[in-house]
N, C-alpha and C. Protein backbone atom coordinates (compact mmCIF):
# COMPACT_ATOMS: atom_id res chain seq x y z
N CYS A 1 -2.63 11.65 6.08
CA CYS A 1 -2.00 10.57 7.27
C CYS A 1 -1.80 9.90 6.99
N MET A 2 -0.75 9.08 7.31
CA MET A 2 -0.68 7.47 7.16
C MET A 2 -1.52 7.07 7.75
N VAL A 3 -2.06 7.09 8.88
CA VAL A 3 -2.77 6.23 9.74
C VAL A 3 -4.11 6.73 9.85
N THR A 4 -4.61 7.50 9.41
CA THR A 4 -6.40 8.15 9.43
C THR A 4 -6.59 8.49 8.50
N GLY A 5 -5.76 8.65 7.18
CA GLY A 5 -6.29 8.95 5.96
C GLY A 5 -6.53 10.35 5.61
N LYS A 6 -6.22 10.84 6.64
CA LYS A 6 -7.14 12.22 6.65
C LYS A 6 -6.19 13.12 5.44
N GLN A 7 -6.70 14.18 4.77
CA GLN A 7 -6.12 15.08 3.78
C GLN A 7 -6.87 16.18 3.80
N GLY A 8 -6.35 17.24 3.25
CA GLY A 8 -6.74 18.88 2.89
C GLY A 8 -7.97 18.81 2.42
N ARG A 9 -8.74 19.71 3.24
CA ARG A 9 -9.75 19.93 2.34
C ARG A 9 -10.55 21.56 2.05
N SER A 10 -11.45 21.89 1.25
CA SER A 10 -11.82 23.07 1.04
C SER A 10 -13.04 23.25 1.01
N GLY A 11 -12.84 25.30 1.47
CA GLY A 11 -14.11 25.68 2.07
C GLY A 11 -14.01 27.10 1.78
N ASN A 12 -14.90 28.08 2.69
CA ASN A 12 -14.86 29.75 2.43
C ASN A 12 -14.23 30.04 3.69
N ASN A 13 -13.92 31.15 3.14
CA ASN A 13 -13.81 31.98 4.84
C ASN A 13 -14.87 33.41 4.39
N ARG A 14 -16.04 33.26 5.01
CA ARG A 14 -16.76 34.55 5.25
C ARG A 14 -16.91 35.96 6.01
N SER A 15 -16.40 36.85 5.34
CA SER A 15 -16.20 37.69 6.42
C SER A 15 -17.55 38.30 6.81
N HIS A 16 -17.27 39.27 7.65
CA HIS A 16 -18.31 40.18 8.09
C HIS A 16 -19.62 40.58 7.32
N ALA A 17 -19.04 41.11 6.40
CA ALA A 17 -20.02 41.57 4.97
C ALA A 17 -20.64 40.38 4.13
N GLU A 18 -20.26 39.11 4.68
CA GLU A 18 -20.66 38.06 3.35
C GLU A 18 -19.86 37.74 2.51
N ASN A 19 -18.79 38.51 2.35
CA ASN A 19 -17.85 38.35 1.12
C ASN A 19 -17.27 36.56 1.21
N LYS A 20 -17.37 35.82 -0.07
CA LYS A 20 -16.94 34.26 0.39
C LYS A 20 -15.78 34.51 -0.50
N THR A 21 -14.26 34.15 0.10
CA THR A 21 -13.04 33.84 -0.62
C THR A 21 -12.71 32.29 -0.08
N ARG A 22 -12.13 31.24 -0.99
CA ARG A 22 -12.08 30.33 -0.64
C ARG A 22 -10.41 30.04 -0.18
N ARG A 23 -10.75 28.53 0.65
CA ARG A 23 -9.13 28.82 1.34
C ARG A 23 -9.29 27.20 1.65
N ARG A 24 -8.37 27.07 2.32
CA ARG A 24 -8.06 24.95 2.72
C ARG A 24 -7.86 25.11 4.13
N PHE A 25 -8.54 23.71 4.75
CA PHE A 25 -8.36 23.39 5.65
C PHE A 25 -7.43 22.16 5.90
N GLU A 26 -5.68 22.35 6.05
CA GLU A 26 -5.11 21.76 6.14
C GLU A 26 -4.63 20.36 7.53
N PRO A 27 -4.69 19.39 7.52
CA PRO A 27 -4.75 18.69 8.70
C PRO A 27 -3.25 18.86 9.04
N ASN A 28 -3.16 18.46 11.04
CA ASN A 28 -2.11 19.06 11.66
C ASN A 28 -1.24 17.97 11.65
N LEU A 29 -0.25 18.09 10.45
CA LEU A 29 0.67 17.05 10.42
C LEU A 29 1.96 17.24 10.83
N GLN A 30 2.58 16.22 11.75
CA GLN A 30 3.10 15.87 12.46
C GLN A 30 4.81 15.49 12.07
N GLU A 31 5.78 15.30 11.99
CA GLU A 31 6.70 14.13 11.82
C GLU A 31 7.16 13.83 12.64
N THR A 32 7.47 12.73 12.58
CA THR A 32 7.44 12.08 13.96
C THR A 32 8.40 10.55 13.49
N SER A 33 8.76 10.10 15.47
CA SER A 33 9.78 9.04 14.85
C SER A 33 8.61 8.17 15.97
N ILE A 34 8.16 7.12 15.13
CA ILE A 34 7.69 6.09 15.95
C ILE A 34 8.40 4.86 16.69
N TYR A 35 8.67 4.07 17.54
CA TYR A 35 9.35 2.86 18.17
C TYR A 35 8.54 2.05 17.63
N SER A 36 9.50 0.89 17.20
CA SER A 36 8.75 -0.86 17.05
C SER A 36 9.56 -1.33 18.06
N GLU A 37 8.70 -2.13 19.34
CA GLU A 37 9.30 -2.59 20.23
C GLU A 37 9.53 -3.95 19.16
N VAL A 38 8.93 -4.69 18.58
CA VAL A 38 8.81 -6.47 17.70
C VAL A 38 10.58 -5.98 16.92
N LEU A 39 10.53 -4.83 16.21
CA LEU A 39 12.08 -5.12 15.27
C LEU A 39 13.15 -3.97 15.98
N LYS A 40 12.57 -3.30 17.34
CA LYS A 40 13.59 -2.77 18.19
C LYS A 40 14.69 -1.39 17.14
N ARG A 41 13.51 -0.87 16.62
CA ARG A 41 14.22 0.68 16.01
C ARG A 41 12.64 1.11 15.39
N SER A 42 13.27 2.50 14.90
CA SER A 42 11.97 3.68 15.10
C SER A 42 12.17 3.91 13.69
N PHE A 43 10.96 4.70 13.13
CA PHE A 43 10.42 5.05 11.88
C PHE A 43 9.93 6.13 11.74
N ARG A 44 10.43 6.95 10.51
CA ARG A 44 9.90 8.42 10.73
C ARG A 44 8.88 8.39 9.65
N LEU A 45 8.02 8.68 10.49
CA LEU A 45 6.50 8.82 9.70
C LEU A 45 5.60 10.23 9.75
N ARG A 46 4.96 10.97 8.99
CA ARG A 46 4.08 12.03 8.43
C ARG A 46 2.88 11.57 9.00
N LEU A 47 2.85 11.89 10.32
CA LEU A 47 1.19 11.68 11.24
C LEU A 47 0.40 12.97 11.34
N THR A 48 -1.12 12.66 11.52
CA THR A 48 -1.75 13.61 12.29
C THR A 48 -1.75 13.58 13.51
N ALA A 49 -2.08 14.82 14.77
CA ALA A 49 -1.90 14.68 15.85
C ALA A 49 -2.85 13.70 16.50
N SER A 50 -4.36 13.32 15.99
CA SER A 50 -5.19 12.36 15.65
C SER A 50 -4.65 11.35 15.56
N GLY A 51 -3.59 11.11 14.62
CA GLY A 51 -2.92 9.86 14.15
C GLY A 51 -2.03 9.49 15.36
N LEU A 52 -1.72 10.38 16.19
CA LEU A 52 -0.47 9.54 16.68
C LEU A 52 -1.36 9.27 18.36
N ARG A 53 -2.55 9.71 18.36
CA ARG A 53 -3.66 9.58 19.42
C ARG A 53 -4.18 7.58 19.31
N THR A 54 -4.29 7.67 17.96
CA THR A 54 -4.86 6.84 17.55
C THR A 54 -3.61 5.29 17.72
N LEU A 55 -2.72 5.92 17.22
CA LEU A 55 -1.53 4.89 17.49
C LEU A 55 -1.09 4.31 19.33
N ASP A 56 -1.28 5.46 19.83
CA ASP A 56 -1.29 5.18 21.21
C ASP A 56 -2.70 4.29 21.81
N HIS A 57 -4.14 4.51 21.24
CA HIS A 57 -4.98 3.89 21.68
C HIS A 57 -4.92 2.31 21.70
N ASN A 58 -4.58 2.03 20.32
CA ASN A 58 -4.35 0.59 19.73
C ASN A 58 -2.87 -0.09 20.48
N GLY A 59 -2.15 0.76 21.38
CA GLY A 59 -1.13 -0.18 21.73
C GLY A 59 0.07 0.42 20.86
N GLY A 60 0.37 1.09 20.15
CA GLY A 60 1.65 1.36 19.68
C GLY A 60 1.45 0.76 18.49
N LEU A 61 2.68 1.22 17.53
CA LEU A 61 2.84 0.85 15.86
C LEU A 61 2.36 -0.51 15.64
N ASP A 62 3.16 -1.47 16.43
CA ASP A 62 3.31 -3.01 15.89
C ASP A 62 1.71 -3.13 16.09
N ALA A 63 1.19 -3.37 17.00
CA ALA A 63 0.13 -3.53 17.27
C ALA A 63 -0.87 -2.89 16.51
N PHE A 64 -1.41 -1.77 15.95
CA PHE A 64 -1.98 -0.97 15.06
C PHE A 64 -2.18 -1.59 13.44
N VAL A 65 -0.20 -1.78 12.87
CA VAL A 65 -0.22 -2.58 11.86
C VAL A 65 -0.95 -3.92 11.98
N MET A 66 -0.59 -4.80 12.51
CA MET A 66 -1.23 -6.10 12.77
C MET A 66 -2.36 -6.16 12.79
N SER A 67 -3.01 -4.88 13.30
CA SER A 67 -4.82 -5.18 13.83
C SER A 67 -5.85 -4.75 12.59
N ARG A 68 -5.31 -4.24 11.83
CA ARG A 68 -5.70 -3.67 10.27
C ARG A 68 -5.15 -4.50 9.17
N ALA A 69 -6.09 -4.64 8.29
CA ALA A 69 -5.79 -5.27 7.12
C ALA A 69 -4.78 -4.92 6.12
N PRO A 70 -3.86 -5.34 5.08
CA PRO A 70 -2.97 -5.22 4.74
C PRO A 70 -3.47 -3.97 3.49
N SER A 71 -4.44 -3.74 3.10
CA SER A 71 -5.12 -3.43 2.16
C SER A 71 -5.25 -1.77 2.83
N LYS A 72 -5.97 -1.69 4.06
CA LYS A 72 -6.43 -0.76 4.57
C LYS A 72 -5.05 0.13 5.11
N LEU A 73 -4.06 -0.30 4.87
CA LEU A 73 -2.44 0.67 5.08
C LEU A 73 -2.16 0.87 4.19
N SER A 74 -1.34 2.36 4.22
CA SER A 74 -0.52 2.65 3.40
C SER A 74 0.86 2.34 3.00
N ASP A 75 1.51 2.47 1.77
CA ASP A 75 2.43 1.43 1.63
C ASP A 75 3.73 1.50 2.32
N GLU A 76 3.81 2.94 2.96
CA GLU A 76 4.81 2.59 4.06
C GLU A 76 4.67 1.31 5.54
N LEU A 77 3.41 1.71 5.52
CA LEU A 77 2.98 1.04 6.46
C LEU A 77 2.56 -0.29 6.46
N ARG A 78 2.37 -0.79 5.47
CA ARG A 78 2.23 -2.30 4.83
C ARG A 78 3.60 -2.66 4.91
N ALA A 79 4.32 -2.22 4.34
CA ALA A 79 6.33 -2.40 4.64
C ALA A 79 6.56 -2.97 5.64
N VAL A 80 6.41 -1.78 7.14
CA VAL A 80 6.28 -2.52 8.41
C VAL A 80 6.03 -3.44 8.82
N ARG A 81 4.37 -3.97 8.35
CA ARG A 81 3.66 -4.96 8.62
C ARG A 81 4.22 -6.23 8.55
N THR A 82 4.55 -6.24 7.04
CA THR A 82 5.53 -7.36 6.50
C THR A 82 6.74 -7.64 7.51
N GLN A 83 7.29 -6.69 7.98
CA GLN A 83 8.64 -6.90 8.96
C GLN A 83 8.05 -7.11 10.37
N VAL A 84 7.14 -7.02 10.56
CA VAL A 84 6.89 -7.04 12.01
C VAL A 84 6.31 -8.38 11.86
N SER A 85 5.25 -8.98 11.07
CA SER A 85 5.00 -10.21 10.79
C SER A 85 6.04 -11.44 10.58
N ALA A 86 7.25 -11.20 10.07
CA ALA A 86 8.10 -11.90 9.41
C ALA A 86 8.96 -12.67 10.56
């Protein structure tokens, strides 16, 4: 996720007989379009469901990218931040 930084994790399936087999826990990624009020255009982003809630909680895409340090943003969001601040 570009917002939260969530990635896949690994673990075990455990059967009733306590057999262990490896598995992956993947994040709930959504391909969505987020609108920027300042730039008057939308951006296609791959975010988790919790990342979408984070954007809503912080007041939208523009407020989120401006409240974070550029070093803590992904490359795509860093480019959005430079466009919003200009």
